[in-house]
Amino acid sequence: MSTIPAADDVLKREVEVLPLPTVAENLGLPITRVHQMLRDGQLLALRRDRVLVVPAEFLDDHGVVKHLTGTITVLKDGGYTVEDILRWLFTEDDSLPGTPIGALRSDRSREVKRRAQAMAF
């Protein structure tokens, strides 16, 4: 079995994160499925205080935020590292307005996907 990919903690401390068992519980999945989602790039994890965690904003009432996985894939395919992707998703952008992850959580996902595609290629 391959290791679970995790980025260095590049996010501000105020960004809420969830340990993997909580992510599994929130998604109604076994922890092993969450591990597989991380290996497959459907979610991103980081190591905070030596614990693997996922940003809480990656989840909503329906599961993983819609279009997050596709955005991650586009950026990874464009050569961005997990750290780069995390930074970008949580960096304020006045032209959105807000952060890309905030826009994905709202009705502005099309603009985020367009920007990710432009950045990646």
N, C-alpha and C. Protein backbone atom coordinates (compact mmCIF):
# COMPACT_ATOMS: atom_id res chain seq x y z
N MET A 1 0.85 -1.18 0.00
CA MET A 1 0.00 0.00 0.00
C MET A 1 0.89 1.24 0.00
N SER A 2 0.53 2.20 -0.80
CA SER A 2 1.34 3.41 -0.88
C SER A 2 1.04 4.34 0.29
N THR A 3 1.96 5.24 0.53
CA THR A 3 1.78 6.17 1.63
C THR A 3 0.73 7.22 1.27
N ILE A 4 0.19 7.83 2.28
CA ILE A 4 -0.82 8.86 2.09
C ILE A 4 -0.10 10.18 1.86
N PRO A 5 -0.34 10.83 0.72
CA PRO A 5 0.35 12.10 0.45
C PRO A 5 -0.16 13.20 1.36
N ALA A 6 0.78 13.99 1.86
CA ALA A 6 0.41 15.12 2.72
C ALA A 6 1.39 16.26 2.48
N ALA A 7 0.84 17.45 2.44
CA ALA A 7 1.65 18.65 2.22
C ALA A 7 2.15 19.17 3.56
N ASP A 8 3.16 20.02 3.48
CA ASP A 8 3.54 20.78 4.66
C ASP A 8 2.39 21.73 4.97
N ASP A 9 2.31 22.17 6.20
CA ASP A 9 1.24 23.09 6.59
C ASP A 9 1.56 24.48 6.07
N VAL A 10 0.96 24.85 4.95
CA VAL A 10 1.20 26.14 4.32
C VAL A 10 0.03 27.10 4.54
N LEU A 11 -0.95 26.66 5.30
CA LEU A 11 -2.14 27.48 5.52
C LEU A 11 -2.04 28.27 6.82
N LYS A 12 -2.77 29.37 6.88
CA LYS A 12 -2.83 30.15 8.10
C LYS A 12 -3.43 29.30 9.21
N ARG A 13 -2.99 29.55 10.43
CA ARG A 13 -3.46 28.75 11.56
C ARG A 13 -4.97 28.86 11.77
N GLU A 14 -5.57 29.97 11.33
CA GLU A 14 -7.01 30.12 11.53
C GLU A 14 -7.85 29.29 10.57
N VAL A 15 -7.21 28.68 9.56
CA VAL A 15 -7.95 27.79 8.65
C VAL A 15 -8.29 26.52 9.44
N GLU A 16 -9.59 26.27 9.56
CA GLU A 16 -10.04 25.11 10.31
C GLU A 16 -9.71 23.84 9.56
N VAL A 17 -9.19 22.86 10.27
CA VAL A 17 -8.84 21.58 9.68
C VAL A 17 -9.50 20.45 10.47
N LEU A 18 -9.65 19.32 9.82
CA LEU A 18 -10.27 18.16 10.44
C LEU A 18 -9.33 16.96 10.34
N PRO A 19 -9.16 16.22 11.44
CA PRO A 19 -8.36 15.00 11.36
C PRO A 19 -9.08 13.98 10.48
N LEU A 20 -8.31 13.08 9.90
CA LEU A 20 -8.88 12.12 8.95
C LEU A 20 -10.03 11.29 9.50
N PRO A 21 -10.00 10.83 10.77
CA PRO A 21 -11.16 10.10 11.28
C PRO A 21 -12.44 10.94 11.27
N THR A 22 -12.33 12.23 11.52
CA THR A 22 -13.50 13.11 11.47
C THR A 22 -13.97 13.29 10.05
N VAL A 23 -13.04 13.40 9.10
CA VAL A 23 -13.40 13.50 7.69
C VAL A 23 -14.18 12.25 7.29
N ALA A 24 -13.68 11.08 7.67
CA ALA A 24 -14.35 9.82 7.34
C ALA A 24 -15.76 9.80 7.94
N GLU A 25 -15.88 10.21 9.16
CA GLU A 25 -17.19 10.23 9.82
C GLU A 25 -18.14 11.19 9.10
N ASN A 26 -17.66 12.39 8.78
CA ASN A 26 -18.49 13.38 8.10
C ASN A 26 -18.95 12.90 6.72
N LEU A 27 -18.09 12.14 6.05
CA LEU A 27 -18.43 11.62 4.72
C LEU A 27 -19.20 10.30 4.78
N GLY A 28 -19.26 9.71 5.97
CA GLY A 28 -19.93 8.42 6.10
C GLY A 28 -19.18 7.30 5.43
N LEU A 29 -17.85 7.40 5.47
CA LEU A 29 -16.99 6.43 4.79
C LEU A 29 -16.01 5.82 5.78
N PRO A 30 -15.50 4.64 5.47
CA PRO A 30 -14.41 4.10 6.30
C PRO A 30 -13.14 4.93 6.09
N ILE A 31 -12.31 4.97 7.09
CA ILE A 31 -11.07 5.75 7.03
C ILE A 31 -10.21 5.30 5.85
N THR A 32 -10.24 4.02 5.52
CA THR A 32 -9.43 3.53 4.41
C THR A 32 -9.88 4.15 3.09
N ARG A 33 -11.16 4.45 2.95
CA ARG A 33 -11.66 5.10 1.73
C ARG A 33 -11.16 6.54 1.66
N VAL A 34 -11.08 7.22 2.80
CA VAL A 34 -10.53 8.58 2.83
C VAL A 34 -9.06 8.54 2.45
N HIS A 35 -8.33 7.55 2.94
CA HIS A 35 -6.92 7.39 2.56
C HIS A 35 -6.80 7.24 1.04
N GLN A 36 -7.70 6.43 0.45
CA GLN A 36 -7.67 6.22 -1.00
C GLN A 36 -8.00 7.51 -1.74
N MET A 37 -8.96 8.29 -1.24
CA MET A 37 -9.31 9.57 -1.86
C MET A 37 -8.10 10.50 -1.87
N LEU A 38 -7.31 10.47 -0.81
CA LEU A 38 -6.10 11.30 -0.74
C LEU A 38 -5.05 10.80 -1.73
N ARG A 39 -4.87 9.49 -1.81
CA ARG A 39 -3.91 8.93 -2.77
C ARG A 39 -4.33 9.22 -4.20
N ASP A 40 -5.65 9.23 -4.46
CA ASP A 40 -6.18 9.47 -5.81
C ASP A 40 -6.26 10.95 -6.17
N GLY A 41 -5.98 11.83 -5.21
CA GLY A 41 -6.04 13.27 -5.47
C GLY A 41 -7.44 13.86 -5.44
N GLN A 42 -8.39 13.13 -4.89
CA GLN A 42 -9.75 13.66 -4.76
C GLN A 42 -9.86 14.66 -3.62
N LEU A 43 -8.95 14.55 -2.67
CA LEU A 43 -8.84 15.46 -1.53
C LEU A 43 -7.36 15.75 -1.33
N LEU A 44 -7.07 16.80 -0.59
CA LEU A 44 -5.69 17.13 -0.22
C LEU A 44 -5.59 17.16 1.29
N ALA A 45 -4.47 16.65 1.78
CA ALA A 45 -4.21 16.67 3.22
C ALA A 45 -2.93 17.43 3.48
N LEU A 46 -2.82 17.90 4.70
CA LEU A 46 -1.59 18.52 5.15
C LEU A 46 -1.28 18.00 6.54
N ARG A 47 -0.07 18.21 6.96
CA ARG A 47 0.34 17.75 8.29
C ARG A 47 0.44 18.97 9.19
N ARG A 48 -0.45 19.02 10.19
CA ARG A 48 -0.44 20.11 11.16
C ARG A 48 -0.19 19.51 12.54
N ASP A 49 0.84 19.98 13.17
CA ASP A 49 1.23 19.45 14.49
C ASP A 49 1.35 17.93 14.45
N ARG A 50 1.96 17.43 13.38
CA ARG A 50 2.25 16.01 13.17
C ARG A 50 1.00 15.15 12.96
N VAL A 51 -0.15 15.78 12.70
CA VAL A 51 -1.39 15.05 12.46
C VAL A 51 -1.85 15.33 11.04
N LEU A 52 -2.25 14.27 10.32
CA LEU A 52 -2.81 14.46 8.98
C LEU A 52 -4.21 15.05 9.11
N VAL A 53 -4.43 16.15 8.40
CA VAL A 53 -5.70 16.85 8.47
C VAL A 53 -6.12 17.30 7.06
N VAL A 54 -7.40 17.59 6.92
CA VAL A 54 -7.98 18.10 5.69
C VAL A 54 -8.67 19.41 6.03
N PRO A 55 -8.51 20.46 5.22
CA PRO A 55 -9.23 21.70 5.49
C PRO A 55 -10.74 21.46 5.56
N ALA A 56 -11.38 21.98 6.59
CA ALA A 56 -12.82 21.78 6.79
C ALA A 56 -13.63 22.33 5.62
N GLU A 57 -13.14 23.37 4.97
CA GLU A 57 -13.88 23.96 3.85
C GLU A 57 -13.93 23.05 2.63
N PHE A 58 -13.17 21.97 2.62
CA PHE A 58 -13.24 21.01 1.51
C PHE A 58 -14.51 20.17 1.56
N LEU A 59 -15.22 20.21 2.69
CA LEU A 59 -16.43 19.42 2.85
C LEU A 59 -17.63 20.34 3.03
N ASP A 60 -18.78 19.87 2.55
CA ASP A 60 -20.03 20.57 2.81
C ASP A 60 -21.06 19.54 3.24
N ASP A 61 -22.31 19.92 3.29
CA ASP A 61 -23.37 19.02 3.75
C ASP A 61 -23.57 17.81 2.84
N HIS A 62 -23.05 17.87 1.62
CA HIS A 62 -23.24 16.80 0.65
C HIS A 62 -22.00 15.93 0.47
N GLY A 63 -20.90 16.28 1.12
CA GLY A 63 -19.65 15.52 0.97
C GLY A 63 -18.52 16.45 0.60
N VAL A 64 -17.69 16.00 -0.35
CA VAL A 64 -16.59 16.83 -0.85
C VAL A 64 -17.21 17.94 -1.71
N VAL A 65 -16.73 19.15 -1.53
CA VAL A 65 -17.26 20.30 -2.27
C VAL A 65 -17.22 19.99 -3.76
N LYS A 66 -18.35 20.23 -4.40
CA LYS A 66 -18.48 19.97 -5.83
C LYS A 66 -17.41 20.78 -6.59
N HIS A 67 -16.80 20.19 -7.56
CA HIS A 67 -15.78 20.78 -8.44
C HIS A 67 -14.40 20.90 -7.79
N LEU A 68 -14.26 20.56 -6.50
CA LEU A 68 -12.94 20.63 -5.87
C LEU A 68 -12.00 19.60 -6.49
N THR A 69 -12.46 18.37 -6.63
CA THR A 69 -11.61 17.31 -7.18
C THR A 69 -11.14 17.66 -8.58
N GLY A 70 -12.02 18.17 -9.42
CA GLY A 70 -11.65 18.55 -10.78
C GLY A 70 -10.64 19.68 -10.80
N THR A 71 -10.81 20.64 -9.89
CA THR A 71 -9.87 21.76 -9.80
C THR A 71 -8.50 21.26 -9.37
N ILE A 72 -8.47 20.37 -8.40
CA ILE A 72 -7.20 19.79 -7.95
C ILE A 72 -6.51 19.07 -9.11
N THR A 73 -7.27 18.28 -9.85
CA THR A 73 -6.71 17.51 -10.97
C THR A 73 -6.12 18.44 -12.03
N VAL A 74 -6.85 19.48 -12.40
CA VAL A 74 -6.36 20.41 -13.42
C VAL A 74 -5.04 21.03 -12.97
N LEU A 75 -4.98 21.47 -11.72
CA LEU A 75 -3.76 22.12 -11.23
C LEU A 75 -2.60 21.13 -11.11
N LYS A 76 -2.87 19.93 -10.63
CA LYS A 76 -1.81 18.92 -10.55
C LYS A 76 -1.28 18.58 -11.94
N ASP A 77 -2.19 18.41 -12.89
CA ASP A 77 -1.78 18.11 -14.26
C ASP A 77 -0.96 19.25 -14.86
N GLY A 78 -1.19 20.46 -14.38
CA GLY A 78 -0.43 21.63 -14.84
C GLY A 78 0.90 21.80 -14.12
N GLY A 79 1.24 20.87 -13.24
CA GLY A 79 2.54 20.91 -12.58
C GLY A 79 2.57 21.56 -11.21
N TYR A 80 1.43 21.92 -10.69
CA TYR A 80 1.39 22.54 -9.37
C TYR A 80 1.55 21.49 -8.29
N THR A 81 2.27 21.85 -7.23
CA THR A 81 2.43 20.95 -6.09
C THR A 81 1.21 21.06 -5.19
N VAL A 82 1.07 20.11 -4.29
CA VAL A 82 -0.04 20.16 -3.34
C VAL A 82 0.04 21.43 -2.51
N GLU A 83 1.25 21.82 -2.12
CA GLU A 83 1.41 23.05 -1.34
C GLU A 83 0.95 24.27 -2.14
N ASP A 84 1.32 24.31 -3.43
CA ASP A 84 0.88 25.42 -4.30
C ASP A 84 -0.64 25.47 -4.40
N ILE A 85 -1.25 24.31 -4.57
CA ILE A 85 -2.70 24.24 -4.72
C ILE A 85 -3.39 24.71 -3.44
N LEU A 86 -2.91 24.25 -2.31
CA LEU A 86 -3.50 24.67 -1.03
C LEU A 86 -3.38 26.18 -0.85
N ARG A 87 -2.18 26.70 -1.12
CA ARG A 87 -2.01 28.15 -0.99
C ARG A 87 -2.99 28.91 -1.88
N TRP A 88 -3.10 28.48 -3.15
CA TRP A 88 -3.97 29.17 -4.09
C TRP A 88 -5.44 29.10 -3.64
N LEU A 89 -5.88 27.93 -3.22
CA LEU A 89 -7.27 27.77 -2.82
C LEU A 89 -7.66 28.65 -1.64
N PHE A 90 -6.69 28.98 -0.79
CA PHE A 90 -6.99 29.74 0.43
C PHE A 90 -6.44 31.17 0.41
N THR A 91 -6.02 31.65 -0.75
CA THR A 91 -5.52 33.02 -0.86
C THR A 91 -6.65 33.93 -1.33
N GLU A 92 -6.83 35.01 -0.59
CA GLU A 92 -7.87 36.00 -0.94
C GLU A 92 -7.59 36.56 -2.33
N ASP A 93 -8.66 36.72 -3.10
CA ASP A 93 -8.57 37.29 -4.44
C ASP A 93 -9.72 38.27 -4.58
N ASP A 94 -9.39 39.55 -4.60
CA ASP A 94 -10.41 40.60 -4.66
C ASP A 94 -11.28 40.50 -5.91
N SER A 95 -10.75 39.90 -6.97
CA SER A 95 -11.53 39.82 -8.20
C SER A 95 -12.58 38.71 -8.16
N LEU A 96 -12.52 37.81 -7.16
CA LEU A 96 -13.53 36.75 -7.10
C LEU A 96 -14.86 37.24 -6.48
N PRO A 97 -14.99 37.90 -5.45
CA PRO A 97 -14.11 38.18 -4.32
C PRO A 97 -14.05 36.99 -3.35
N GLY A 98 -13.06 37.01 -2.49
CA GLY A 98 -12.86 35.93 -1.53
C GLY A 98 -11.77 34.99 -1.99
N THR A 99 -11.83 33.79 -1.50
CA THR A 99 -10.85 32.77 -1.84
C THR A 99 -11.42 31.84 -2.90
N PRO A 100 -10.56 31.16 -3.66
CA PRO A 100 -11.07 30.18 -4.61
C PRO A 100 -11.91 29.07 -3.95
N ILE A 101 -11.50 28.60 -2.76
CA ILE A 101 -12.31 27.56 -2.11
C ILE A 101 -13.67 28.13 -1.71
N GLY A 102 -13.71 29.37 -1.29
CA GLY A 102 -14.99 30.00 -0.98
C GLY A 102 -15.87 30.11 -2.21
N ALA A 103 -15.27 30.43 -3.34
CA ALA A 103 -16.02 30.53 -4.59
C ALA A 103 -16.53 29.15 -5.03
N LEU A 104 -15.71 28.10 -4.85
CA LEU A 104 -16.16 26.75 -5.19
C LEU A 104 -17.36 26.34 -4.33
N ARG A 105 -17.39 26.81 -3.10
CA ARG A 105 -18.49 26.49 -2.19
C ARG A 105 -19.76 27.27 -2.52
N SER A 106 -19.64 28.27 -3.37
CA SER A 106 -20.81 29.08 -3.73
C SER A 106 -21.15 28.85 -5.19
N ASP A 107 -21.82 29.79 -5.79
CA ASP A 107 -22.24 29.65 -7.18
C ASP A 107 -21.21 30.19 -8.17
N ARG A 108 -19.95 30.35 -7.72
CA ARG A 108 -18.92 30.92 -8.59
C ARG A 108 -17.87 29.89 -9.00
N SER A 109 -18.24 28.63 -9.01
CA SER A 109 -17.26 27.58 -9.31
C SER A 109 -16.76 27.66 -10.75
N ARG A 110 -17.59 28.10 -11.67
CA ARG A 110 -17.17 28.19 -13.07
C ARG A 110 -15.95 29.09 -13.23
N GLU A 111 -15.95 30.22 -12.54
CA GLU A 111 -14.82 31.16 -12.62
C GLU A 111 -13.56 30.54 -12.03
N VAL A 112 -13.70 29.81 -10.93
CA VAL A 112 -12.53 29.16 -10.32
C VAL A 112 -11.96 28.13 -11.28
N LYS A 113 -12.81 27.32 -11.87
CA LYS A 113 -12.33 26.30 -12.82
C LYS A 113 -11.66 26.96 -14.02
N ARG A 114 -12.21 28.06 -14.51
CA ARG A 114 -11.61 28.77 -15.64
C ARG A 114 -10.21 29.26 -15.27
N ARG A 115 -10.08 29.83 -14.10
CA ARG A 115 -8.77 30.34 -13.66
C ARG A 115 -7.77 29.21 -13.46
N ALA A 116 -8.22 28.11 -12.89
CA ALA A 116 -7.33 26.96 -12.70
C ALA A 116 -6.83 26.46 -14.04
N GLN A 117 -7.71 26.38 -15.03
CA GLN A 117 -7.30 25.91 -16.36
C GLN A 117 -6.30 26.88 -16.98
N ALA A 118 -6.53 28.18 -16.83
CA ALA A 118 -5.61 29.17 -17.38
C ALA A 118 -4.25 29.11 -16.70
N MET A 119 -4.24 28.89 -15.38
CA MET A 119 -2.98 28.81 -14.65
C MET A 119 -2.18 27.57 -15.03
N ALA A 120 -2.91 26.48 -15.27
CA ALA A 120 -2.24 25.19 -15.48
C ALA A 120 -1.66 25.03 -16.87
N PHE A 121 -2.17 25.81 -17.86
CA PHE A 121 -1.70 25.58 -19.22
C PHE A 121 -1.33 26.85 -19.93
